[in-house]
Amino acid sequence: MAHPTALAPPVPDPQPAPLPSAADVVVVGGGVIGASIAFHLAEADAGRVLLLERDLPASGSSGKPLGGVRAQFSDPLNIRLGLRSLDAWRDFARRPGADIGLDTVGYLFLLGSEAERDTFTAGVEIQNAHGVPSRIITPRAARDLCPYIDPSTLVAAAFSPTDGYATPAAAVTGYLRAARRLGALVRTRCPVTAIDTADGHLTAVRTPHGTVRTRTVICCAGAWSGAVGALAGVTLPVTPLRRQIAFTGPLRPRPPRIPFTLDYGSTLYFHNDGADGLLLGLSDPAQQPGYDREFSREWLTPFRAAAARRAPELAGAPITGGWAGLYEMTPDRNALIGEAPHPGRFLYATGFSGHGFLQAPAVGEIVRDLYLRREPFLDVGPLAATRFDGHRATRPEAHII
């Protein structure tokens, strides 16, 4: 079921057009990561940029999240990605030029135990050191910010006022329209079916609509990235996992304006849906990996149980519809960003495990610089896919849902 405030108009090709015979760089995937990369490459005049999308832009993971944007993480690397991206989201109306419905209501993490409070207290110290204005607050202060919650069930909460949410599909639309204005080509309903190599280098990508000669591929295929990587002999450990969201429709009385509120222990989360309703979510622990994207009301059972503990008024909230999308999970729940050691040049930005939208502007900037062989603003070496080969440490991140 489509939702009127969640989706922006798709970005189909203005008219059917043949594929170019060659491109300097082929971006595989038309979600927010691929769109951001295409925009940043085109803006930098990085040559002939071609983006290939197997369906329509934002038809995968980018069309279905709640659109949270934040810098509240425990890992300094993720904090810096979040901060850089928050700056870009605030400036999006100017560059690249689109309304993404950014609402800076803050992020409120509900903490139900002393262990959770201690985890977030340590995180706040790191965040503050990087300029994030987060803080630990009392249960009563949390209730003042979000009247739905029961403060008697909390030990504390963590709040950062500069976080919030926006509309992911509108961001994809904005990025791709700007990329096209700058000369990039976008071809939809055009899956990559093979990647050719010779002498250790990429030579072409094949599609049902033709072959494109290229020396560079950037994989941003979200939950399908493992299959795309395999075409080039690159291992990208990404597993698809269904996540579901429901919406209430108009409520009476009208909901107050609240932060993006998350119960850390249960992964219950919710925020305003326009002026009259709420969007509701939960990471169902019973969900098995796979590509199923059908909305099912079964997950409302654990959602209502979690709501009954933390936000009782929401346990019986009317549900008028919902949707399902895919998280692109990695073993340590952190992104894969980098360039494969072989074949040259295969770059990737995927596996964001639910954080792709909020990190997309910074990632587009970083991958642009990797492609141009410039030093990015942040060393993403620790996010290389090869960290799972046993030769380097994985990245622990505590502030995930």
Protein backbone atom coordinates (compact mmCIF):
# COMPACT_ATOMS: atom_id res chain seq x y z
CA MET A 1 0.00 0.00 0.00
CA ALA A 2 1.48 3.33 -1.01
CA HIS A 3 1.61 6.15 1.46
CA PRO A 4 1.00 9.74 0.41
CA THR A 5 3.66 11.43 2.53
CA ALA A 6 6.34 8.77 2.27
CA LEU A 7 6.99 8.65 -1.44
CA ALA A 8 8.08 11.30 -3.89
CA PRO A 9 7.35 11.01 -7.62
CA PRO A 10 9.65 8.42 -9.21
CA VAL A 11 12.41 9.49 -11.55
CA PRO A 12 11.85 7.49 -14.75
CA ASP A 13 13.77 8.20 -17.91
CA PRO A 14 12.20 11.19 -19.67
CA GLN A 15 11.97 9.06 -22.80
CA PRO A 16 13.19 5.60 -23.79
CA ALA A 17 16.80 5.86 -24.84
CA PRO A 18 19.47 3.36 -25.81
CA LEU A 19 22.34 2.74 -23.49
CA PRO A 20 25.55 4.56 -24.31
CA SER A 21 28.25 2.33 -25.74
CA ALA A 22 30.72 3.48 -23.08
CA ALA A 23 30.91 5.29 -19.76
CA ASP A 24 33.77 6.35 -17.54
CA VAL A 25 31.95 5.08 -14.46
CA VAL A 26 28.83 2.95 -14.03
CA VAL A 27 26.90 3.30 -10.78
CA VAL A 28 24.78 0.21 -10.09
CA GLY A 29 21.72 1.01 -7.99
CA GLY A 30 19.29 3.93 -7.97
CA GLY A 31 18.60 4.25 -4.28
CA VAL A 32 19.75 7.15 -2.16
CA ILE A 33 23.38 5.96 -2.02
CA GLY A 34 23.68 5.53 -5.78
CA ALA A 35 21.83 8.79 -6.40
CA SER A 36 24.13 10.68 -4.03
CA ILE A 37 27.22 9.20 -5.65
CA ALA A 38 25.97 9.99 -9.16
CA PHE A 39 25.28 13.58 -8.12
CA HIS A 40 28.66 14.06 -6.48
CA LEU A 41 30.48 12.56 -9.47
CA ALA A 42 28.57 14.68 -11.98
CA GLU A 43 29.09 17.80 -9.87
CA ALA A 44 32.83 17.11 -9.87
CA ASP A 45 32.83 16.70 -13.67
CA ALA A 46 34.14 13.18 -13.22
CA GLY A 47 33.54 12.12 -16.82
CA ARG A 48 30.70 10.15 -18.35
CA VAL A 49 28.57 8.97 -15.43
CA LEU A 50 25.92 6.30 -16.03
CA LEU A 51 23.56 5.07 -13.29
CA LEU A 52 21.75 1.79 -13.88
CA GLU A 53 18.70 0.86 -11.77
CA ARG A 54 17.07 -2.57 -12.01
CA ASP A 55 13.59 -1.15 -11.31
CA LEU A 56 12.78 2.51 -10.58
CA PRO A 57 14.75 4.87 -8.34
CA ALA A 58 13.95 4.46 -4.64
CA SER A 59 12.02 1.25 -5.39
CA GLY A 60 14.21 -0.78 -3.02
CA SER A 61 15.31 0.09 0.51
CA SER A 62 15.27 3.86 -0.10
CA GLY A 63 11.54 4.00 -0.71
CA LYS A 64 10.47 2.45 2.57
CA PRO A 65 12.30 3.76 5.69
CA LEU A 66 11.09 6.32 8.20
CA GLY A 67 13.85 8.65 7.04
CA GLY A 68 15.70 9.23 10.29
CA VAL A 69 18.80 11.43 10.18
CA ARG A 70 21.10 11.49 13.17
CA ALA A 71 24.63 11.63 14.54
CA GLN A 72 23.87 9.72 17.76
CA PHE A 73 26.21 6.76 17.37
CA SER A 74 28.84 5.13 19.56
CA ASP A 75 31.54 4.78 16.88
CA PRO A 76 33.38 8.04 16.04
CA LEU A 77 33.42 7.01 12.37
CA ASN A 78 29.62 6.77 12.26
CA ILE A 79 29.28 9.99 14.26
CA ARG A 80 31.35 11.86 11.68
CA LEU A 81 29.40 10.36 8.79
CA GLY A 82 26.19 11.43 10.50
CA LEU A 83 27.39 14.97 11.24
CA ARG A 84 28.65 15.54 7.71
CA SER A 85 25.38 14.27 6.30
CA LEU A 86 23.23 16.36 8.66
CA ASP A 87 24.97 19.46 7.32
CA ALA A 88 24.16 18.36 3.77
CA TRP A 89 20.53 17.54 4.56
CA ARG A 90 20.04 21.00 6.05
CA ASP A 91 21.53 22.51 2.87
CA PHE A 92 19.65 20.24 0.46
CA ALA A 93 17.22 22.91 -0.74
CA ARG A 94 20.21 24.83 -2.10
CA ARG A 95 22.44 21.92 -3.13
CA PRO A 96 21.41 19.95 -5.06
CA GLY A 97 18.10 21.81 -4.83
CA ALA A 98 14.98 20.00 -3.58
CA ASP A 99 12.52 19.95 -0.71
CA ILE A 100 13.04 16.76 1.29
CA GLY A 101 10.67 17.61 4.15
CA LEU A 102 13.44 17.80 6.72
CA ASP A 103 12.01 18.08 10.24
CA THR A 104 14.58 18.64 12.99
CA VAL A 105 12.59 17.28 15.90
CA GLY A 106 15.48 15.45 17.54
CA TYR A 107 16.09 11.79 18.30
CA LEU A 108 14.99 10.36 21.64
CA PHE A 109 16.35 6.97 22.74
CA LEU A 110 14.41 5.38 25.62
CA LEU A 111 16.62 3.48 28.06
CA GLY A 112 15.04 0.89 30.30
CA SER A 113 18.01 -0.40 32.28
CA GLU A 114 21.17 0.82 33.97
CA ALA A 115 23.24 -1.08 31.40
CA GLU A 116 21.51 0.76 28.55
CA ARG A 117 21.99 4.07 30.36
CA ASP A 118 25.70 3.35 30.80
CA THR A 119 26.07 2.45 27.11
CA PHE A 120 24.46 5.70 26.01
CA THR A 121 26.30 7.77 28.62
CA ALA A 122 29.57 6.60 27.09
CA GLY A 123 28.19 7.36 23.63
CA VAL A 124 27.14 10.87 24.61
CA GLU A 125 30.67 11.60 25.83
CA ILE A 126 32.09 10.60 22.44
CA GLN A 127 29.36 12.46 20.57
CA ASN A 128 29.91 15.65 22.57
CA ALA A 129 33.63 15.46 21.84
CA HIS A 130 32.74 15.58 18.12
CA GLY A 131 30.29 18.45 18.48
CA VAL A 132 27.00 16.55 18.77
CA PRO A 133 24.73 18.32 21.32
CA SER A 134 23.33 15.08 22.74
CA ARG A 135 22.66 14.56 26.44
CA ILE A 136 21.27 12.07 28.93
CA ILE A 137 17.93 13.20 30.35
CA THR A 138 15.56 11.98 33.06
CA PRO A 139 12.48 9.86 32.37
CA ARG A 140 10.29 12.84 33.27
CA ALA A 141 12.13 15.07 30.79
CA ALA A 142 11.67 12.36 28.17
CA ARG A 143 7.93 12.33 28.88
CA ASP A 144 7.85 16.11 28.42
CA LEU A 145 9.31 15.62 24.93
CA CYS A 146 7.08 12.67 24.04
CA PRO A 147 3.81 12.44 26.01
CA TYR A 148 3.12 8.90 24.75
CA ILE A 149 5.81 7.26 26.87
CA ASP A 150 5.45 5.91 30.41
CA PRO A 151 8.37 7.40 32.39
CA SER A 152 7.94 4.88 35.22
CA THR A 153 9.38 2.18 32.93
CA LEU A 154 12.56 4.12 32.13
CA VAL A 155 15.90 4.60 33.83
CA ALA A 156 16.90 7.47 31.53
CA ALA A 157 16.82 8.63 27.90
CA ALA A 158 19.27 10.09 25.42
CA PHE A 159 18.29 13.08 23.31
CA SER A 160 19.93 15.12 20.55
CA PRO A 161 17.92 18.11 19.28
CA THR A 162 19.70 18.41 15.92
CA ASP A 163 18.59 15.00 14.64
CA GLY A 164 15.27 14.36 12.93
CA TYR A 165 13.84 12.86 9.76
CA ALA A 166 13.22 13.62 6.07
CA THR A 167 11.64 11.94 3.03
CA PRO A 168 14.06 9.47 1.42
CA ALA A 169 12.34 9.18 -1.95
CA ALA A 170 12.31 12.97 -2.29
CA ALA A 171 16.06 12.97 -1.65
CA VAL A 172 16.60 10.37 -4.38
CA THR A 173 14.52 12.46 -6.77
CA GLY A 174 16.46 15.60 -5.89
CA TYR A 175 19.84 13.98 -6.31
CA LEU A 176 19.01 12.34 -9.64
CA ARG A 177 17.41 15.41 -11.18
CA ALA A 178 20.50 17.42 -10.26
CA ALA A 179 22.82 14.69 -11.54
CA ARG A 180 21.00 14.71 -14.86
CA ARG A 181 21.23 18.49 -15.09
CA LEU A 182 24.97 18.08 -14.64
CA GLY A 183 25.26 15.53 -17.44
CA ALA A 184 24.84 12.13 -15.78
CA LEU A 185 22.72 9.51 -17.51
CA VAL A 186 20.14 7.48 -15.57
CA ARG A 187 18.65 4.33 -17.02
CA THR A 188 15.84 2.53 -15.22
CA ARG A 189 14.52 -1.03 -15.48
CA CYS A 190 18.02 -1.97 -16.57
CA PRO A 191 19.61 -4.63 -14.33
CA VAL A 192 23.26 -5.53 -14.63
CA THR A 193 23.47 -9.19 -15.64
CA ALA A 194 27.23 -9.59 -16.11
CA ILE A 195 30.47 -7.73 -15.53
CA ASP A 196 33.33 -8.43 -17.93
CA THR A 197 36.98 -8.38 -16.93
CA ALA A 198 40.28 -8.83 -18.72
CA ASP A 199 43.81 -8.94 -17.30
CA GLY A 200 42.53 -8.08 -13.83
CA HIS A 201 40.57 -5.00 -14.92
CA LEU A 202 36.91 -4.28 -15.55
CA THR A 203 36.03 -3.87 -19.21
CA ALA A 204 32.23 -3.75 -19.48
CA VAL A 205 28.85 -4.24 -17.85
CA ARG A 206 26.16 -6.24 -19.59
CA THR A 207 22.42 -5.64 -19.34
CA PRO A 208 19.33 -6.96 -21.16
CA HIS A 209 19.40 -3.72 -23.15
CA GLY A 210 23.03 -3.76 -24.24
CA THR A 211 26.64 -3.72 -23.15
CA VAL A 212 28.47 -0.66 -21.85
CA ARG A 213 32.24 -0.48 -21.98
CA THR A 214 33.65 0.89 -18.74
CA ARG A 215 36.72 0.70 -16.53
CA THR A 216 34.90 1.50 -13.28
CA VAL A 217 31.84 0.06 -11.54
CA ILE A 218 30.45 1.38 -8.26
CA CYS A 219 28.11 -1.07 -6.56
CA CYS A 220 25.30 0.58 -4.55
CA ALA A 221 22.72 -2.15 -5.08
CA GLY A 222 21.56 -2.38 -1.48
CA ALA A 223 20.18 -5.78 -0.56
CA TRP A 224 21.16 -7.09 -4.01
CA SER A 225 24.81 -6.02 -3.68
CA GLY A 226 26.10 -9.50 -2.92
CA ALA A 227 24.90 -10.73 -6.30
CA VAL A 228 26.32 -7.71 -8.13
CA GLY A 229 29.67 -8.11 -6.41
CA ALA A 230 29.75 -11.79 -7.33
CA LEU A 231 29.52 -10.84 -11.01
CA ALA A 232 32.96 -9.27 -10.62
CA GLY A 233 34.31 -11.88 -8.23
CA VAL A 234 34.01 -9.53 -5.23
CA THR A 235 32.60 -10.76 -1.92
CA LEU A 236 30.17 -8.29 -0.36
CA PRO A 237 28.63 -9.90 2.75
CA VAL A 238 25.16 -8.35 2.57
CA THR A 239 22.00 -10.14 3.72
CA PRO A 240 18.46 -8.88 2.98
CA LEU A 241 16.12 -8.58 5.96
CA ARG A 242 12.52 -7.40 5.86
CA ARG A 243 11.58 -4.44 8.05
CA GLN A 244 8.00 -3.22 8.32
CA ILE A 245 6.34 0.11 9.05
CA ALA A 246 2.71 0.90 9.79
CA PHE A 247 0.81 4.16 9.76
CA THR A 248 -2.19 5.16 11.79
CA GLY A 249 -3.91 7.58 9.49
CA PRO A 250 -5.46 10.70 11.07
CA LEU A 251 -5.79 10.54 14.85
CA ARG A 252 -8.07 12.50 17.12
CA PRO A 253 -6.94 14.27 19.10
CA ARG A 254 -4.17 15.32 16.75
CA PRO A 255 -0.77 13.97 17.90
CA PRO A 256 1.66 16.42 19.48
CA ARG A 257 4.90 17.16 17.65
CA ILE A 258 7.34 14.63 19.05
CA PRO A 259 10.94 13.56 18.48
CA PHE A 260 11.83 10.50 16.49
CA THR A 261 11.39 8.19 19.48
CA LEU A 262 13.05 4.77 19.84
CA ASP A 263 12.93 2.24 22.63
CA TYR A 264 16.46 0.84 22.62
CA GLY A 265 15.63 -2.49 24.24
CA SER A 266 12.70 -3.50 22.04
CA THR A 267 13.51 -1.43 18.87
CA LEU A 268 10.02 0.10 18.97
CA TYR A 269 10.13 3.43 17.14
CA PHE A 270 7.70 6.08 15.94
CA HIS A 271 7.37 9.69 14.81
CA ASN A 272 4.80 12.08 13.38
CA ASP A 273 3.27 11.43 9.99
CA GLY A 274 2.35 14.88 8.78
CA ALA A 275 0.16 16.76 11.20
CA ASP A 276 -2.48 14.13 11.95
CA GLY A 277 -0.95 10.68 12.28
CA LEU A 278 2.01 8.57 13.33
CA LEU A 279 4.42 6.21 11.58
CA LEU A 280 5.26 3.13 13.67
CA GLY A 281 8.04 0.57 13.42
CA LEU A 282 9.74 -2.35 15.13
CA SER A 283 12.59 -4.71 14.26
CA ASP A 284 10.88 -8.08 14.58
CA PRO A 285 13.39 -10.50 16.16
CA ALA A 286 11.61 -13.43 14.52
CA GLN A 287 12.07 -12.06 10.99
CA GLN A 288 14.15 -14.40 8.82
CA PRO A 289 16.50 -13.15 6.08
CA GLY A 290 15.08 -12.98 2.57
CA TYR A 291 13.71 -10.72 -0.13
CA ASP A 292 10.07 -10.74 1.00
CA ARG A 293 8.70 -7.19 0.77
CA GLU A 294 5.03 -7.86 1.47
CA PHE A 295 3.50 -6.02 4.42
CA SER A 296 2.12 -8.42 7.01
CA ARG A 297 0.12 -7.49 10.08
CA GLU A 298 1.68 -10.37 12.04
CA TRP A 299 4.52 -8.16 13.22
CA LEU A 300 1.98 -5.91 14.95
CA THR A 301 1.83 -8.49 17.76
CA PRO A 302 5.39 -7.81 19.00
CA PHE A 303 4.92 -4.11 18.20
CA ARG A 304 1.84 -3.83 20.41
CA ALA A 305 3.58 -5.80 23.18
CA ALA A 306 6.54 -3.40 23.13
CA ALA A 307 4.24 -0.38 22.97
CA ALA A 308 2.25 -1.64 25.96
CA ARG A 309 5.43 -1.49 28.03
CA ARG A 310 6.82 1.86 26.89
CA ALA A 311 4.04 3.84 25.21
CA PRO A 312 0.73 2.26 26.29
CA GLU A 313 -1.46 4.65 24.33
CA LEU A 314 0.09 3.36 21.10
CA ALA A 315 -0.56 -0.30 21.88
CA GLY A 316 -4.10 0.05 20.62
CA ALA A 317 -3.50 2.66 17.93
CA PRO A 318 -5.55 2.07 14.77
CA ILE A 319 -3.49 0.84 11.82
CA THR A 320 -4.73 1.91 8.41
CA GLY A 321 -1.90 0.43 6.36
CA GLY A 322 1.80 -0.16 6.08
CA TRP A 323 4.69 -1.26 3.93
CA ALA A 324 7.73 -3.49 4.03
CA GLY A 325 11.24 -2.81 2.81
CA LEU A 326 14.64 -4.44 3.04
CA TYR A 327 17.52 -3.71 5.34
CA GLU A 328 20.88 -4.62 3.79
CA MET A 329 22.59 -6.25 6.74
CA THR A 330 26.30 -6.93 7.30
CA PRO A 331 27.70 -9.18 10.03
CA ASP A 332 28.69 -6.22 12.25
CA ARG A 333 25.80 -3.95 11.20
CA ASN A 334 28.16 -1.37 9.70
CA ALA A 335 28.51 -0.23 6.11
CA LEU A 336 30.80 -1.56 3.41
CA ILE A 337 32.60 1.34 1.71
CA GLY A 338 35.75 1.09 -0.35
CA GLU A 339 37.44 -0.28 -3.45
CA ALA A 340 38.03 -3.97 -4.03
CA PRO A 341 41.68 -5.00 -4.33
CA HIS A 342 40.76 -6.79 -7.56
CA PRO A 343 39.53 -6.51 -10.20
CA GLY A 344 40.34 -2.84 -10.73
CA ARG A 345 38.28 -0.65 -10.42
CA PHE A 346 35.32 -2.03 -8.53
CA LEU A 347 34.11 0.33 -5.79
CA TYR A 348 31.21 -0.27 -3.41
CA ALA A 349 29.00 1.51 -0.90
CA THR A 350 26.42 -0.84 0.57
CA GLY A 351 25.43 -2.88 3.62
CA PHE A 352 24.31 0.09 5.68
CA SER A 353 22.07 -2.05 7.89
CA GLY A 354 19.41 0.64 8.22
CA HIS A 355 21.68 3.70 8.21
CA GLY A 356 22.08 4.28 4.47
CA PHE A 357 19.72 7.21 4.15
CA LEU A 358 21.15 9.18 7.03
CA GLN A 359 24.74 8.66 5.81
CA ALA A 360 24.09 9.09 2.07
CA PRO A 361 25.40 12.65 1.55
CA ALA A 362 28.72 11.93 3.25
CA VAL A 363 29.07 8.60 1.46
CA GLY A 364 28.49 10.22 -1.92
CA GLU A 365 31.27 12.67 -1.16
CA ILE A 366 33.65 9.93 0.01
CA VAL A 367 33.06 7.61 -2.96
CA ARG A 368 33.52 10.55 -5.34
CA ASP A 369 36.93 11.15 -3.80
CA LEU A 370 37.87 7.47 -3.87
CA TYR A 371 37.01 7.37 -7.56
CA LEU A 372 39.05 10.52 -8.25
CA ARG A 373 41.89 9.13 -6.10
CA ARG A 374 41.62 12.04 -3.70
CA GLU A 375 41.85 11.77 0.06
CA PRO A 376 38.31 11.82 1.53
CA PHE A 377 37.43 13.90 4.58
CA LEU A 378 37.26 10.63 6.55
CA ASP A 379 39.33 7.46 6.41
CA VAL A 380 36.84 4.69 5.62
CA GLY A 381 39.49 1.99 5.48
CA PRO A 382 37.92 0.30 8.54
CA LEU A 383 34.70 -0.14 6.53
CA ALA A 384 36.35 -2.14 3.75
CA ALA A 385 34.57 -5.39 2.94
CA THR A 386 37.85 -7.22 3.53
CA ARG A 387 37.49 -6.60 7.29
CA PHE A 388 35.54 -9.83 7.40
CA ASP A 389 38.41 -11.91 6.03
CA GLY A 390 39.96 -12.10 9.50
CA HIS A 391 42.81 -9.69 8.88
CA ARG A 392 41.30 -6.61 10.51
CA ALA A 393 38.85 -5.80 13.27
CA THR A 394 35.15 -5.35 12.62
CA ARG A 395 33.41 -2.16 13.73
CA PRO A 396 31.27 -2.37 16.86
CA GLU A 397 28.31 0.03 16.89
CA ALA A 398 26.05 0.11 19.95
CA HIS A 399 23.44 2.65 18.79
CA ILE A 400 21.63 0.48 16.26
CA ILE A 401 18.09 -0.78 15.94
